[in-house]
Each structure stands twice: as structure tokens, then as C-alpha cells.
Amino acid sequence: MAVEKFETALKKLEEVVNRLESGELTLEESLKSFEEGVKMAAFCTKKLDEAEKKVEILLKKKDGSFAKEEFRYENDGH
């Protein structure tokens, strides 16, 4: 896929959704746009997953040192 940035893919995904919601596309154009949207959504999901794995929270301990803790969603059960 030629898209390298999350923001670019997200913008393209939004454009696809707008085209599909317009109701002005033919069936063939709709299917092509849908396929493009699925690819953009998968790319965005992959980039978000990669970013989540890299995120760490630094917590300052009482002694002034820092401890690393993996990023967790508040409601993910981890």
C-alpha cells in the first residue's frame, strides 16, 4: 500500500465513507470504494496497534527514579 501515514489513510477512509453515504455512486463504484475503505481501515488498525505496543507510561517513584509500565486501556481488563 502506498499510504505511509496514519493521518493520510484516515483522511482517505473518511472520503470513502462520504462517497458511499452520498448515494450517488453506481454499484460498481460503491464496491470499489468499499474495497478501498476496507484497505484503509486495515492500515489504520495496524498503525494504531503498532503505536499501542510502543506506548509506555513513566511513573515517578518516591525515590525519584522512574519505572516503565505498559500502556493499557482503562477498560481492557489487563
C-alpha atoms as a PDB file:
ATOM      1  CA  MET A   1       0.000   0.000   0.000  1.00  0.00           C
ATOM      2  CA  ALA A   2       1.358   3.396  -0.962  1.00  0.00           C
ATOM      3  CA  VAL A   3      -0.033   5.133   2.123  1.00  0.00           C
ATOM      4  CA  GLU A   4       2.660   5.713   4.701  1.00  0.00           C
ATOM      5  CA  LYS A   5       0.946   7.883   7.282  1.00  0.00           C
ATOM      6  CA  PHE A   6      -1.961   7.109   9.562  1.00  0.00           C
ATOM      7  CA  GLU A   7      -3.427  10.583   9.074  1.00  0.00           C
ATOM      8  CA  THR A   8      -3.392  10.216   5.293  1.00  0.00           C
ATOM      9  CA  ALA A   9      -5.120   6.831   5.459  1.00  0.00           C
ATOM     10  CA  LEU A  10      -7.702   8.137   7.911  1.00  0.00           C
ATOM     11  CA  LYS A  11      -8.500  11.085   5.647  1.00  0.00           C
ATOM     12  CA  LYS A  12      -8.875   8.731   2.661  1.00  0.00           C
ATOM     13  CA  LEU A  13     -11.144   6.489   4.742  1.00  0.00           C
ATOM     14  CA  GLU A  14     -13.316   9.490   5.627  1.00  0.00           C
ATOM     15  CA  GLU A  15     -13.514  10.429   1.941  1.00  0.00           C
ATOM     16  CA  VAL A  16     -14.588   6.881   1.055  1.00  0.00           C
ATOM     17  CA  VAL A  17     -17.309   6.963   3.702  1.00  0.00           C
ATOM     18  CA  ASN A  18     -18.564  10.311   2.408  1.00  0.00           C
ATOM     19  CA  ARG A  19     -18.679   8.984  -1.169  1.00  0.00           C
ATOM     20  CA  LEU A  20     -20.557   5.889  -0.087  1.00  0.00           C
ATOM     21  CA  GLU A  21     -23.008   7.878   2.026  1.00  0.00           C
ATOM     22  CA  SER A  22     -23.717  10.276  -0.838  1.00  0.00           C
ATOM     23  CA  GLY A  23     -25.724   7.601  -2.612  1.00  0.00           C
ATOM     24  CA  GLU A  24     -24.533   8.914  -5.967  1.00  0.00           C
ATOM     25  CA  LEU A  25     -22.190   6.040  -6.861  1.00  0.00           C
ATOM     26  CA  THR A  26     -23.038   3.169  -9.132  1.00  0.00           C
ATOM     27  CA  LEU A  27     -22.925  -0.327  -7.694  1.00  0.00           C
ATOM     28  CA  GLU A  28     -19.523  -0.922  -9.266  1.00  0.00           C
ATOM     29  CA  GLU A  29     -18.162   2.382  -7.935  1.00  0.00           C
ATOM     30  CA  SER A  30     -19.597   1.593  -4.499  1.00  0.00           C
ATOM     31  CA  LEU A  31     -17.908  -1.800  -4.409  1.00  0.00           C
ATOM     32  CA  LYS A  32     -14.596  -0.297  -5.494  1.00  0.00           C
ATOM     33  CA  SER A  33     -14.886   2.438  -2.847  1.00  0.00           C
ATOM     34  CA  PHE A  34     -15.855  -0.119  -0.207  1.00  0.00           C
ATOM     35  CA  GLU A  35     -12.798  -2.207  -1.062  1.00  0.00           C
ATOM     36  CA  GLU A  36     -10.594   0.880  -0.772  1.00  0.00           C
ATOM     37  CA  GLY A  37     -12.215   1.696   2.590  1.00  0.00           C
ATOM     38  CA  VAL A  38     -11.559  -1.793   3.930  1.00  0.00           C
ATOM     39  CA  LYS A  39      -7.877  -1.460   2.980  1.00  0.00           C
ATOM     40  CA  MET A  40      -7.632   1.978   4.632  1.00  0.00           C
ATOM     41  CA  ALA A  41      -9.365   0.703   7.778  1.00  0.00           C
ATOM     42  CA  ALA A  42      -6.981  -2.268   7.987  1.00  0.00           C
ATOM     43  CA  PHE A  43      -3.981   0.035   7.533  1.00  0.00           C
ATOM     44  CA  CYS A  44      -5.243   2.394  10.265  1.00  0.00           C
ATOM     45  CA  THR A  45      -5.881  -0.516  12.626  1.00  0.00           C
ATOM     46  CA  LYS A  46      -2.379  -1.859  12.021  1.00  0.00           C
ATOM     47  CA  LYS A  47      -0.809   1.559  12.678  1.00  0.00           C
ATOM     48  CA  LEU A  48      -2.837   2.002  15.873  1.00  0.00           C
ATOM     49  CA  ASP A  49      -1.828  -1.465  17.076  1.00  0.00           C
ATOM     50  CA  GLU A  50       1.831  -0.662  16.384  1.00  0.00           C
ATOM     51  CA  ALA A  51       1.556   2.628  18.264  1.00  0.00           C
ATOM     52  CA  GLU A  52      -0.161   0.972  21.224  1.00  0.00           C
ATOM     53  CA  LYS A  53       2.686  -1.530  21.546  1.00  0.00           C
ATOM     54  CA  LYS A  54       5.219   1.320  21.680  1.00  0.00           C
ATOM     55  CA  VAL A  55       3.458   3.421  24.296  1.00  0.00           C
ATOM     56  CA  GLU A  56       4.828   3.255  27.799  1.00  0.00           C
ATOM     57  CA  ILE A  57       3.923   5.344  30.795  1.00  0.00           C
ATOM     58  CA  LEU A  58       6.691   6.626  33.036  1.00  0.00           C
ATOM     59  CA  LEU A  59       5.773   6.647  36.689  1.00  0.00           C
ATOM     60  CA  LYS A  60       7.905   8.569  39.138  1.00  0.00           C
ATOM     61  CA  LYS A  61       8.666   6.557  42.253  1.00  0.00           C
ATOM     62  CA  LYS A  62       9.028   8.036  45.702  1.00  0.00           C
ATOM     63  CA  ASP A  63      12.825   7.761  45.490  1.00  0.00           C
ATOM     64  CA  GLY A  64      12.898   9.893  42.322  1.00  0.00           C
ATOM     65  CA  SER A  65      13.588   7.030  39.920  1.00  0.00           C
ATOM     66  CA  PHE A  66      11.264   6.089  37.104  1.00  0.00           C
ATOM     67  CA  ALA A  67       9.510   2.823  36.347  1.00  0.00           C
ATOM     68  CA  LYS A  68       8.105   1.835  32.993  1.00  0.00           C
ATOM     69  CA  GLU A  69       4.616   0.448  32.755  1.00  0.00           C
ATOM     70  CA  GLU A  70       2.940  -0.864  29.630  1.00  0.00           C
ATOM     71  CA  PHE A  71       0.103   1.244  28.295  1.00  0.00           C
ATOM     72  CA  ARG A  72      -3.315  -0.248  28.982  1.00  0.00           C
ATOM     73  CA  TYR A  73      -6.806   0.808  28.085  1.00  0.00           C
ATOM     74  CA  GLU A  74      -8.856   1.592  31.155  1.00  0.00           C
ATOM     75  CA  ASN A  75     -11.493  -0.981  30.263  1.00  0.00           C
ATOM     76  CA  ASP A  76      -9.456  -3.728  28.573  1.00  0.00           C
ATOM     77  CA  GLY A  77      -9.283  -5.989  31.600  1.00  0.00           C
ATOM     78  CA  HIS A  78      -5.462  -6.088  31.832  1.00  0.00           C
END
